[in-house]
Amino acid sequence: MIVAAPTGVIYQNQSGGYSCAQYTQEGYLVPLFGSGLDEELREIFVGELRGWGIRGHDWSAELLDRLRAAVAELSVYRSARHNELR
């Protein structure tokens, strides 16, 4: 996840599946962890959207709810010293 902030570091990623859209975001890169998260995201982006992630930019409310639920399962370490997930 990239947390938007004025850091002077800009991340760029090719997104949108076959659309090859180039997005940039300035901020902090934060590694995320989640059990089974990749499976649901793969089902959404590869299965249902068939690799066209930004196809028309018109996603159904149900699809957005599924995406939000998958992202809600993310965990981030709140303390490297204590190895605690949050």
PDB file of N, CA and C in Angstrom:
ATOM      1  N   MET A   1       0.848  -1.146   0.000  1.00  0.00           N
ATOM      2  CA  MET A   1       0.000   0.000   0.000  1.00  0.00           C
ATOM      3  C   MET A   1       0.901   1.218   0.000  1.00  0.00           C
ATOM      4  N   ILE A   2       0.482   2.246  -0.694  1.00  0.00           N
ATOM      5  CA  ILE A   2       1.208   3.509  -0.671  1.00  0.00           C
ATOM      6  C   ILE A   2       0.351   4.514   0.077  1.00  0.00           C
ATOM      7  N   VAL A   3       0.918   5.057   1.156  1.00  0.00           N
ATOM      8  CA  VAL A   3       0.243   6.087   1.931  1.00  0.00           C
ATOM      9  C   VAL A   3       0.680   7.427   1.358  1.00  0.00           C
ATOM     10  N   ALA A   4      -0.273   8.169   0.832  1.00  0.00           N
ATOM     11  CA  ALA A   4       0.045   9.448   0.193  1.00  0.00           C
ATOM     12  C   ALA A   4       0.611  10.423   1.218  1.00  0.00           C
ATOM     13  N   ALA A   5       1.780  10.996   0.899  1.00  0.00           N
ATOM     14  CA  ALA A   5       2.432  11.971   1.771  1.00  0.00           C
ATOM     15  C   ALA A   5       3.520  12.675   0.960  1.00  0.00           C
ATOM     16  N   PRO A   6       3.851  13.909   1.333  1.00  0.00           N
ATOM     17  CA  PRO A   6       4.902  14.642   0.620  1.00  0.00           C
ATOM     18  C   PRO A   6       6.296  14.158   1.033  1.00  0.00           C
ATOM     19  N   THR A   7       6.741  13.042   0.480  1.00  0.00           N
ATOM     20  CA  THR A   7       8.015  12.428   0.854  1.00  0.00           C
ATOM     21  C   THR A   7       9.125  12.698  -0.147  1.00  0.00           C
ATOM     22  N   GLY A   8       8.775  13.115  -1.346  1.00  0.00           N
ATOM     23  CA  GLY A   8       9.759  13.262  -2.405  1.00  0.00           C
ATOM     24  C   GLY A   8      10.019  11.954  -3.140  1.00  0.00           C
ATOM     25  N   VAL A   9       9.387  10.867  -2.674  1.00  0.00           N
ATOM     26  CA  VAL A   9       9.525   9.562  -3.319  1.00  0.00           C
ATOM     27  C   VAL A   9       8.231   9.287  -4.082  1.00  0.00           C
ATOM     28  N   ILE A  10       8.372   9.032  -5.374  1.00  0.00           N
ATOM     29  CA  ILE A  10       7.196   8.788  -6.213  1.00  0.00           C
ATOM     30  C   ILE A  10       7.258   7.364  -6.742  1.00  0.00           C
ATOM     31  N   TYR A  11       6.192   6.621  -6.516  1.00  0.00           N
ATOM     32  CA  TYR A  11       6.083   5.249  -6.996  1.00  0.00           C
ATOM     33  C   TYR A  11       5.244   5.258  -8.268  1.00  0.00           C
ATOM     34  N   GLN A  12       5.650   4.439  -9.240  1.00  0.00           N
ATOM     35  CA  GLN A  12       4.900   4.320 -10.484  1.00  0.00           C
ATOM     36  C   GLN A  12       4.629   2.846 -10.720  1.00  0.00           C
ATOM     37  N   ASN A  13       3.432   2.554 -11.206  1.00  0.00           N
ATOM     38  CA  ASN A  13       3.047   1.177 -11.435  1.00  0.00           C
ATOM     39  C   ASN A  13       2.203   1.082 -12.696  1.00  0.00           C
ATOM     40  N   GLN A  14       2.441   0.052 -13.463  1.00  0.00           N
ATOM     41  CA  GLN A  14       1.577  -0.216 -14.607  1.00  0.00           C
ATOM     42  C   GLN A  14       0.354  -0.932 -14.073  1.00  0.00           C
ATOM     43  N   SER A  15      -0.807  -0.390 -14.338  1.00  0.00           N
ATOM     44  CA  SER A  15      -2.060  -0.912 -13.793  1.00  0.00           C
ATOM     45  C   SER A  15      -3.090  -1.070 -14.890  1.00  0.00           C
ATOM     46  N   GLY A  16      -4.243  -1.540 -14.527  1.00  0.00           N
ATOM     47  CA  GLY A  16      -5.347  -1.614 -15.463  1.00  0.00           C
ATOM     48  C   GLY A  16      -5.344  -2.832 -16.360  1.00  0.00           C
ATOM     49  N   GLY A  17      -4.583  -3.854 -15.971  1.00  0.00           N
ATOM     50  CA  GLY A  17      -4.571  -5.067 -16.783  1.00  0.00           C
ATOM     51  C   GLY A  17      -4.058  -4.791 -18.181  1.00  0.00           C
ATOM     52  N   TYR A  18      -4.811  -5.205 -19.182  1.00  0.00           N
ATOM     53  CA  TYR A  18      -4.397  -5.031 -20.570  1.00  0.00           C
ATOM     54  C   TYR A  18      -4.426  -3.569 -21.019  1.00  0.00           C
ATOM     55  N   SER A  19      -5.027  -2.693 -20.214  1.00  0.00           N
ATOM     56  CA  SER A  19      -5.096  -1.280 -20.565  1.00  0.00           C
ATOM     57  C   SER A  19      -3.750  -0.579 -20.421  1.00  0.00           C
ATOM     58  N   CYS A  20      -2.854  -1.143 -19.624  1.00  0.00           N
ATOM     59  CA  CYS A  20      -1.497  -0.612 -19.427  1.00  0.00           C
ATOM     60  C   CYS A  20      -1.494   0.852 -18.996  1.00  0.00           C
ATOM     61  N   ALA A  21      -2.354   1.213 -18.073  1.00  0.00           N
ATOM     62  CA  ALA A  21      -2.374   2.576 -17.543  1.00  0.00           C
ATOM     63  C   ALA A  21      -1.189   2.761 -16.600  1.00  0.00           C
ATOM     64  N   GLN A  22      -0.582   3.915 -16.630  1.00  0.00           N
ATOM     65  CA  GLN A  22       0.552   4.233 -15.756  1.00  0.00           C
ATOM     66  C   GLN A  22       0.068   5.186 -14.663  1.00  0.00           C
ATOM     67  N   TYR A  23       0.166   4.737 -13.411  1.00  0.00           N
ATOM     68  CA  TYR A  23      -0.242   5.565 -12.283  1.00  0.00           C
ATOM     69  C   TYR A  23       0.965   5.883 -11.428  1.00  0.00           C
ATOM     70  N   THR A  24       0.977   7.065 -10.817  1.00  0.00           N
ATOM     71  CA  THR A  24       2.038   7.439  -9.891  1.00  0.00           C
ATOM     72  C   THR A  24       1.419   7.921  -8.595  1.00  0.00           C
ATOM     73  N   GLN A  25       2.165   7.740  -7.503  1.00  0.00           N
ATOM     74  CA  GLN A  25       1.731   8.229  -6.204  1.00  0.00           C
ATOM     75  C   GLN A  25       2.957   8.557  -5.373  1.00  0.00           C
ATOM     76  N   GLU A  26       2.977   9.724  -4.782  1.00  0.00           N
ATOM     77  CA  GLU A  26       4.047  10.106  -3.873  1.00  0.00           C
ATOM     78  C   GLU A  26       3.647   9.676  -2.470  1.00  0.00           C
ATOM     79  N   GLY A  27       4.607   9.090  -1.730  1.00  0.00           N
ATOM     80  CA  GLY A  27       4.291   8.714  -0.360  1.00  0.00           C
ATOM     81  C   GLY A  27       5.193   7.634   0.188  1.00  0.00           C
ATOM     82  N   TYR A  28       4.667   6.920   1.184  1.00  0.00           N
ATOM     83  CA  TYR A  28       5.376   5.841   1.860  1.00  0.00           C
ATOM     84  C   TYR A  28       4.869   4.499   1.360  1.00  0.00           C
ATOM     85  N   LEU A  29       5.771   3.579   1.074  1.00  0.00           N
ATOM     86  CA  LEU A  29       5.397   2.218   0.702  1.00  0.00           C
ATOM     87  C   LEU A  29       5.323   1.395   1.976  1.00  0.00           C
ATOM     88  N   VAL A  30       4.162   0.781   2.239  1.00  0.00           N
ATOM     89  CA  VAL A  30       3.951  -0.007   3.448  1.00  0.00           C
ATOM     90  C   VAL A  30       3.602  -1.440   3.035  1.00  0.00           C
ATOM     91  N   PRO A  31       4.441  -2.420   3.401  1.00  0.00           N
ATOM     92  CA  PRO A  31       4.122  -3.812   3.067  1.00  0.00           C
ATOM     93  C   PRO A  31       2.868  -4.268   3.809  1.00  0.00           C
ATOM     94  N   LEU A  32       2.018  -5.020   3.146  1.00  0.00           N
ATOM     95  CA  LEU A  32       0.771  -5.509   3.739  1.00  0.00           C
ATOM     96  C   LEU A  32       0.750  -7.024   3.733  1.00  0.00           C
ATOM     97  N   PHE A  33      -0.001  -7.582   4.667  1.00  0.00           N
ATOM     98  CA  PHE A  33      -0.113  -9.021   4.793  1.00  0.00           C
ATOM     99  C   PHE A  33      -1.580  -9.378   4.988  1.00  0.00           C
ATOM    100  N   GLY A  34      -2.016 -10.483   4.416  1.00  0.00           N
ATOM    101  CA  GLY A  34      -3.390 -10.924   4.605  1.00  0.00           C
ATOM    102  C   GLY A  34      -3.562 -12.343   4.127  1.00  0.00           C
ATOM    103  N   SER A  35      -4.172 -13.155   4.930  1.00  0.00           N
ATOM    104  CA  SER A  35      -4.384 -14.560   4.578  1.00  0.00           C
ATOM    105  C   SER A  35      -5.475 -14.687   3.529  1.00  0.00           C
ATOM    106  N   GLY A  36      -5.154 -15.270   2.393  1.00  0.00           N
ATOM    107  CA  GLY A  36      -6.143 -15.494   1.344  1.00  0.00           C
ATOM    108  C   GLY A  36      -6.510 -14.257   0.548  1.00  0.00           C
ATOM    109  N   LEU A  37      -5.889 -13.132   0.846  1.00  0.00           N
ATOM    110  CA  LEU A  37      -6.237 -11.892   0.148  1.00  0.00           C
ATOM    111  C   LEU A  37      -5.977 -12.004  -1.344  1.00  0.00           C
ATOM    112  N   ASP A  38      -4.850 -12.571  -1.706  1.00  0.00           N
ATOM    113  CA  ASP A  38      -4.484 -12.688  -3.112  1.00  0.00           C
ATOM    114  C   ASP A  38      -5.507 -13.497  -3.895  1.00  0.00           C
ATOM    115  N   GLU A  39      -6.085 -14.500  -3.279  1.00  0.00           N
ATOM    116  CA  GLU A  39      -7.067 -15.338  -3.982  1.00  0.00           C
ATOM    117  C   GLU A  39      -8.302 -14.532  -4.389  1.00  0.00           C
ATOM    118  N   GLU A  40      -8.836 -13.725  -3.490  1.00  0.00           N
ATOM    119  CA  GLU A  40     -10.031 -12.939  -3.814  1.00  0.00           C
ATOM    120  C   GLU A  40      -9.699 -11.850  -4.838  1.00  0.00           C
ATOM    121  N   LEU A  41      -8.547 -11.206  -4.688  1.00  0.00           N
ATOM    122  CA  LEU A  41      -8.163 -10.183  -5.666  1.00  0.00           C
ATOM    123  C   LEU A  41      -7.941 -10.798  -7.040  1.00  0.00           C
ATOM    124  N   ARG A  42      -7.342 -11.976  -7.083  1.00  0.00           N
ATOM    125  CA  ARG A  42      -7.142 -12.666  -8.357  1.00  0.00           C
ATOM    126  C   ARG A  42      -8.493 -13.011  -8.981  1.00  0.00           C
ATOM    127  N   GLU A  43      -9.432 -13.461  -8.173  1.00  0.00           N
ATOM    128  CA  GLU A  43     -10.767 -13.788  -8.699  1.00  0.00           C
ATOM    129  C   GLU A  43     -11.430 -12.544  -9.290  1.00  0.00           C
ATOM    130  N   ILE A  44     -11.270 -11.405  -8.627  1.00  0.00           N
ATOM    131  CA  ILE A  44     -11.874 -10.162  -9.117  1.00  0.00           C
ATOM    132  C   ILE A  44     -11.189  -9.677 -10.393  1.00  0.00           C
ATOM    133  N   PHE A  45      -9.862  -9.508 -10.320  1.00  0.00           N
ATOM    134  CA  PHE A  45      -9.155  -8.862 -11.434  1.00  0.00           C
ATOM    135  C   PHE A  45      -8.876  -9.789 -12.611  1.00  0.00           C
ATOM    136  N   VAL A  46      -8.552 -11.048 -12.330  1.00  0.00           N
ATOM    137  CA  VAL A  46      -8.238 -11.976 -13.420  1.00  0.00           C
ATOM    138  C   VAL A  46      -9.493 -12.731 -13.852  1.00  0.00           C
ATOM    139  N   GLY A  47     -10.269 -13.202 -12.872  1.00  0.00           N
ATOM    140  CA  GLY A  47     -11.464 -13.976 -13.202  1.00  0.00           C
ATOM    141  C   GLY A  47     -12.591 -13.137 -13.760  1.00  0.00           C
ATOM    142  N   GLU A  48     -13.125 -12.275 -12.920  1.00  0.00           N
ATOM    143  CA  GLU A  48     -14.308 -11.508 -13.322  1.00  0.00           C
ATOM    144  C   GLU A  48     -14.010 -10.405 -14.337  1.00  0.00           C
ATOM    145  N   LEU A  49     -12.957  -9.629 -14.094  1.00  0.00           N
ATOM    146  CA  LEU A  49     -12.634  -8.536 -15.013  1.00  0.00           C
ATOM    147  C   LEU A  49     -11.778  -8.985 -16.191  1.00  0.00           C
ATOM    148  N   ARG A  50     -11.323 -10.241 -16.153  1.00  0.00           N
ATOM    149  CA  ARG A  50     -10.537 -10.844 -17.233  1.00  0.00           C
ATOM    150  C   ARG A  50      -9.311 -10.009 -17.630  1.00  0.00           C
ATOM    151  N   GLY A  51      -8.660  -9.411 -16.613  1.00  0.00           N
ATOM    152  CA  GLY A  51      -7.452  -8.650 -16.878  1.00  0.00           C
ATOM    153  C   GLY A  51      -7.675  -7.214 -17.301  1.00  0.00           C
ATOM    154  N   TRP A  52      -8.921  -6.796 -17.423  1.00  0.00           N
ATOM    155  CA  TRP A  52      -9.226  -5.420 -17.816  1.00  0.00           C
ATOM    156  C   TRP A  52      -9.670  -4.650 -16.574  1.00  0.00           C
ATOM    157  N   GLY A  53      -8.738  -4.391 -15.658  1.00  0.00           N
ATOM    158  CA  GLY A  53      -9.063  -3.802 -14.364  1.00  0.00           C
ATOM    159  C   GLY A  53      -9.706  -2.435 -14.386  1.00  0.00           C
ATOM    160  N   ILE A  54      -9.424  -1.631 -15.386  1.00  0.00           N
ATOM    161  CA  ILE A  54     -10.045  -0.303 -15.418  1.00  0.00           C
ATOM    162  C   ILE A  54     -11.039  -0.186 -16.576  1.00  0.00           C
ATOM    163  N   ARG A  55     -11.471  -1.311 -17.053  1.00  0.00           N
ATOM    164  CA  ARG A  55     -12.399  -1.362 -18.188  1.00  0.00           C
ATOM    165  C   ARG A  55     -13.568  -0.389 -17.994  1.00  0.00           C
ATOM    166  N   GLY A  56     -13.532   0.754 -18.625  1.00  0.00           N
ATOM    167  CA  GLY A  56     -14.632   1.706 -18.582  1.00  0.00           C
ATOM    168  C   GLY A  56     -14.773   2.438 -17.253  1.00  0.00           C
ATOM    169  N   HIS A  57     -13.988   2.107 -16.266  1.00  0.00           N
ATOM    170  CA  HIS A  57     -14.050   2.727 -14.939  1.00  0.00           C
ATOM    171  C   HIS A  57     -15.429   2.625 -14.308  1.00  0.00           C
ATOM    172  N   ASP A  58     -16.264   1.723 -14.749  1.00  0.00           N
ATOM    173  CA  ASP A  58     -17.629   1.613 -14.232  1.00  0.00           C
ATOM    174  C   ASP A  58     -17.803   0.262 -13.553  1.00  0.00           C
ATOM    175  N   TRP A  59     -17.487   0.205 -12.264  1.00  0.00           N
ATOM    176  CA  TRP A  59     -17.579  -1.042 -11.518  1.00  0.00           C
ATOM    177  C   TRP A  59     -18.912  -1.086 -10.773  1.00  0.00           C
ATOM    178  N   SER A  60     -19.496  -2.243 -10.702  1.00  0.00           N
ATOM    179  CA  SER A  60     -20.773  -2.381  -9.993  1.00  0.00           C
ATOM    180  C   SER A  60     -20.559  -2.197  -8.490  1.00  0.00           C
ATOM    181  N   ALA A  61     -21.631  -1.852  -7.785  1.00  0.00           N
ATOM    182  CA  ALA A  61     -21.564  -1.685  -6.328  1.00  0.00           C
ATOM    183  C   ALA A  61     -21.149  -2.997  -5.666  1.00  0.00           C
ATOM    184  N   GLU A  62     -21.632  -4.130  -6.189  1.00  0.00           N
ATOM    185  CA  GLU A  62     -21.282  -5.436  -5.641  1.00  0.00           C
ATOM    186  C   GLU A  62     -19.781  -5.718  -5.785  1.00  0.00           C
ATOM    187  N   LEU A  63     -19.234  -5.403  -6.942  1.00  0.00           N
ATOM    188  CA  LEU A  63     -17.808  -5.630  -7.173  1.00  0.00           C
ATOM    189  C   LEU A  63     -16.962  -4.747  -6.255  1.00  0.00           C
ATOM    190  N   LEU A  64     -17.361  -3.495  -6.103  1.00  0.00           N
ATOM    191  CA  LEU A  64     -16.641  -2.597  -5.195  1.00  0.00           C
ATOM    192  C   LEU A  64     -16.722  -3.085  -3.756  1.00  0.00           C
ATOM    193  N   ASP A  65     -17.870  -3.603  -3.348  1.00  0.00           N
ATOM    194  CA  ASP A  65     -18.005  -4.154  -1.996  1.00  0.00           C
ATOM    195  C   ASP A  65     -17.078  -5.348  -1.798  1.00  0.00           C
ATOM    196  N   ARG A  66     -16.976  -6.210  -2.804  1.00  0.00           N
ATOM    197  CA  ARG A  66     -16.058  -7.364  -2.712  1.00  0.00           C
ATOM    198  C   ARG A  66     -14.616  -6.908  -2.606  1.00  0.00           C
ATOM    199  N   LEU A  67     -14.249  -5.908  -3.387  1.00  0.00           N
ATOM    200  CA  LEU A  67     -12.890  -5.374  -3.339  1.00  0.00           C
ATOM    201  C   LEU A  67     -12.608  -4.755  -1.974  1.00  0.00           C
ATOM    202  N   ARG A  68     -13.547  -3.990  -1.451  1.00  0.00           N
ATOM    203  CA  ARG A  68     -13.370  -3.384  -0.120  1.00  0.00           C
ATOM    204  C   ARG A  68     -13.227  -4.453   0.960  1.00  0.00           C
ATOM    205  N   ALA A  69     -14.007  -5.515   0.855  1.00  0.00           N
ATOM    206  CA  ALA A  69     -13.924  -6.599   1.835  1.00  0.00           C
ATOM    207  C   ALA A  69     -12.567  -7.291   1.773  1.00  0.00           C
ATOM    208  N   ALA A  70     -12.038  -7.495   0.575  1.00  0.00           N
ATOM    209  CA  ALA A  70     -10.726  -8.134   0.428  1.00  0.00           C
ATOM    210  C   ALA A  70      -9.639  -7.249   1.014  1.00  0.00           C
ATOM    211  N   VAL A  71      -9.700  -5.961   0.753  1.00  0.00           N
ATOM    212  CA  VAL A  71      -8.697  -5.034   1.267  1.00  0.00           C
ATOM    213  C   VAL A  71      -8.815  -4.894   2.788  1.00  0.00           C
ATOM    214  N   ALA A  72     -10.019  -5.014   3.326  1.00  0.00           N
ATOM    215  CA  ALA A  72     -10.216  -4.907   4.780  1.00  0.00           C
ATOM    216  C   ALA A  72      -9.501  -6.027   5.532  1.00  0.00           C
ATOM    217  N   GLU A  73      -9.168  -7.116   4.852  1.00  0.00           N
ATOM    218  CA  GLU A  73      -8.476  -8.239   5.479  1.00  0.00           C
ATOM    219  C   GLU A  73      -6.965  -8.005   5.603  1.00  0.00           C
ATOM    220  N   LEU A  74      -6.479  -6.900   5.093  1.00  0.00           N
ATOM    221  CA  LEU A  74      -5.045  -6.605   5.143  1.00  0.00           C
ATOM    222  C   LEU A  74      -4.578  -6.390   6.570  1.00  0.00           C
ATOM    223  N   SER A  75      -3.348  -6.773   6.813  1.00  0.00           N
ATOM    224  CA  SER A  75      -2.717  -6.518   8.106  1.00  0.00           C
ATOM    225  C   SER A  75      -1.396  -5.823   7.859  1.00  0.00           C
ATOM    226  N   VAL A  76      -0.996  -5.008   8.799  1.00  0.00           N
ATOM    227  CA  VAL A  76       0.284  -4.318   8.718  1.00  0.00           C
ATOM    228  C   VAL A  76       0.956  -4.448  10.082  1.00  0.00           C
ATOM    229  N   TYR A  77       2.276  -4.615  10.075  1.00  0.00           N
ATOM    230  CA  TYR A  77       3.003  -4.691  11.338  1.00  0.00           C
ATOM    231  C   TYR A  77       2.973  -3.339  12.021  1.00  0.00           C
ATOM    232  N   ARG A  78       2.486  -3.279  13.245  1.00  0.00           N
ATOM    233  CA  ARG A  78       2.457  -2.017  13.967  1.00  0.00           C
ATOM    234  C   ARG A  78       3.738  -1.786  14.742  1.00  0.00           C
ATOM    235  N   SER A  79       4.538  -2.845  14.935  1.00  0.00           N
ATOM    236  CA  SER A  79       5.795  -2.698  15.644  1.00  0.00           C
ATOM    237  C   SER A  79       6.779  -3.737  15.146  1.00  0.00           C
ATOM    238  N   ALA A  80       7.834  -3.297  14.501  1.00  0.00           N
ATOM    239  CA  ALA A  80       8.857  -4.244  14.017  1.00  0.00           C
ATOM    240  C   ALA A  80       9.555  -4.908  15.196  1.00  0.00           C
ATOM    241  N   ARG A  81       9.672  -4.200  16.288  1.00  0.00           N
ATOM    242  CA  ARG A  81      10.358  -4.724  17.457  1.00  0.00           C
ATOM    243  C   ARG A  81       9.607  -5.888  18.101  1.00  0.00           C
ATOM    244  N   HIS A  82       8.296  -5.790  18.121  1.00  0.00           N
ATOM    245  CA  HIS A  82       7.488  -6.818  18.765  1.00  0.00           C
ATOM    246  C   HIS A  82       6.801  -7.759  17.786  1.00  0.00           C
ATOM    247  N   ASN A  83       7.016  -7.527  16.489  1.00  0.00           N
ATOM    248  CA  ASN A  83       6.469  -8.397  15.445  1.00  0.00           C
ATOM    249  C   ASN A  83       4.947  -8.551  15.586  1.00  0.00           C
ATOM    250  N   GLU A  84       4.253  -7.441  15.853  1.00  0.00           N
ATOM    251  CA  GLU A  84       2.811  -7.473  16.079  1.00  0.00           C
ATOM    252  C   GLU A  84       2.069  -7.066  14.800  1.00  0.00           C
ATOM    253  N   LEU A  85       1.077  -7.839  14.435  1.00  0.00           N
ATOM    254  CA  LEU A  85       0.221  -7.476  13.311  1.00  0.00           C
ATOM    255  C   LEU A  85      -0.941  -6.659  13.804  1.00  0.00           C
ATOM    256  N   ARG A  86      -1.390  -5.730  12.983  1.00  0.00           N
ATOM    257  CA  ARG A  86      -2.554  -4.897  13.313  1.00  0.00           C
ATOM    258  C   ARG A  86      -3.556  -5.030  12.206  1.00  0.00           C
TER     259      ARG A  86
END
